[in-house]
Amino acid sequence: MLGDEVFKRIQQQRDKSQALRAVAAMAQGRIVELDLPLALNAAKLSSELKLPMADSIMLATARAYGALLWTQDADKYIRITICCRTRLPGPT
């Protein structure tokens, strides 16, 4: 189910009302397929930027769709923010 882990975590850290709002916001998002070109781009980013594969998939997807990428990982925040300043061509 979309958002069940997010709901659980936010409810643990804050409260049920904020958890429900977070899941409602997620439901307005777009789910995209991790196709071969996107996966290969993510692998390239992972290698070049020394990012874990999951982070590079999120970065590659954000770049491909012109999305704003947010993270709470302090050690990755600066690298990802800098990487996102240059938008790569992709599906829109």
Protein backbone atom coordinates (compact mmCIF):
# COMPACT_ATOMS: atom_id res chain seq x y z
CA MET A 1 0.00 0.00 0.00
CA LEU A 2 1.27 3.44 -0.93
CA GLY A 3 2.33 5.40 2.11
CA ASP A 4 1.84 2.78 4.82
CA GLU A 5 5.47 2.96 5.97
CA VAL A 6 5.42 6.76 5.82
CA PHE A 7 2.22 6.84 7.86
CA LYS A 8 3.70 4.52 10.47
CA ARG A 9 6.92 6.51 10.81
CA ILE A 10 5.29 9.95 11.00
CA GLN A 11 2.70 8.72 13.48
CA GLN A 12 5.53 7.38 15.67
CA GLN A 13 7.43 10.66 15.51
CA ARG A 14 4.53 13.12 15.55
CA ASP A 15 0.82 12.26 15.53
CA LYS A 16 -1.92 10.59 13.50
CA SER A 17 -3.22 13.85 12.01
CA GLN A 18 0.17 14.78 10.54
CA ALA A 19 0.66 11.22 9.31
CA LEU A 20 -2.66 11.33 7.46
CA ARG A 21 -1.77 14.68 5.87
CA ALA A 22 1.56 13.30 4.68
CA VAL A 23 -0.06 10.25 3.09
CA ALA A 24 -2.72 12.45 1.45
CA ALA A 25 0.04 14.60 -0.06
CA MET A 26 1.84 11.49 -1.33
CA ALA A 27 -1.36 10.26 -2.97
CA GLN A 28 -1.34 13.36 -5.19
CA GLY A 29 2.07 12.41 -6.57
CA ARG A 30 2.91 10.59 -9.76
CA ILE A 31 4.23 7.04 -9.86
CA VAL A 32 6.71 6.46 -12.67
CA GLU A 33 8.15 3.26 -14.07
CA LEU A 34 11.81 2.48 -13.47
CA ASP A 35 12.58 1.62 -17.08
CA LEU A 36 15.96 0.63 -18.50
CA PRO A 37 17.16 4.12 -19.54
CA LEU A 38 16.26 5.55 -16.12
CA ALA A 39 17.93 2.62 -14.33
CA LEU A 40 21.11 2.98 -16.40
CA ASN A 41 21.23 6.71 -15.73
CA ALA A 42 20.79 6.00 -12.00
CA ALA A 43 23.65 3.47 -12.09
CA LYS A 44 25.88 6.04 -13.78
CA LEU A 45 25.01 8.66 -11.14
CA SER A 46 25.60 6.15 -8.36
CA SER A 47 29.08 5.44 -9.67
CA GLU A 48 30.02 9.05 -10.43
CA LEU A 49 28.65 10.59 -7.22
CA LYS A 50 29.34 7.66 -4.87
CA LEU A 51 25.64 7.50 -3.94
CA PRO A 52 23.78 4.38 -2.84
CA MET A 53 21.71 2.98 -5.70
CA ALA A 54 18.37 3.87 -4.07
CA ASP A 55 19.44 7.52 -3.76
CA SER A 56 20.69 7.61 -7.33
CA ILE A 57 17.36 6.22 -8.58
CA MET A 58 15.54 9.04 -6.80
CA LEU A 59 18.00 11.61 -8.20
CA ALA A 60 17.80 10.26 -11.75
CA THR A 61 14.00 10.24 -11.58
CA ALA A 62 13.86 13.80 -10.23
CA ARG A 63 16.14 14.98 -13.02
CA ALA A 64 14.24 13.11 -15.73
CA TYR A 65 10.87 14.53 -14.69
CA GLY A 66 12.04 17.97 -13.58
CA ALA A 67 10.94 17.26 -10.02
CA LEU A 68 12.21 18.86 -6.85
CA LEU A 69 14.03 16.31 -4.70
CA TRP A 70 13.98 16.63 -0.90
CA THR A 71 15.95 14.55 1.54
CA GLN A 72 16.45 14.48 5.29
CA ASP A 73 19.83 12.75 5.01
CA ALA A 74 22.22 15.50 6.10
CA ASP A 75 25.27 13.83 4.54
CA LYS A 76 23.56 13.53 1.14
CA TYR A 77 21.59 16.76 1.11
CA ILE A 78 24.38 18.98 -0.22
CA ARG A 79 25.43 16.55 -2.96
CA ILE A 80 21.86 15.96 -4.15
CA THR A 81 20.96 19.65 -4.06
CA ILE A 82 23.99 20.50 -6.17
CA CYS A 83 23.28 17.68 -8.60
CA CYS A 84 19.70 18.81 -9.11
CA ARG A 85 20.65 22.32 -10.16
CA THR A 86 21.34 21.07 -13.67
CA ARG A 87 18.21 19.60 -15.20
CA LEU A 88 18.80 16.74 -17.59
CA PRO A 89 16.47 16.25 -20.53
CA GLY A 90 13.88 13.59 -19.89
CA PRO A 91 10.21 12.67 -20.11
CA THR A 92 7.83 15.54 -19.38
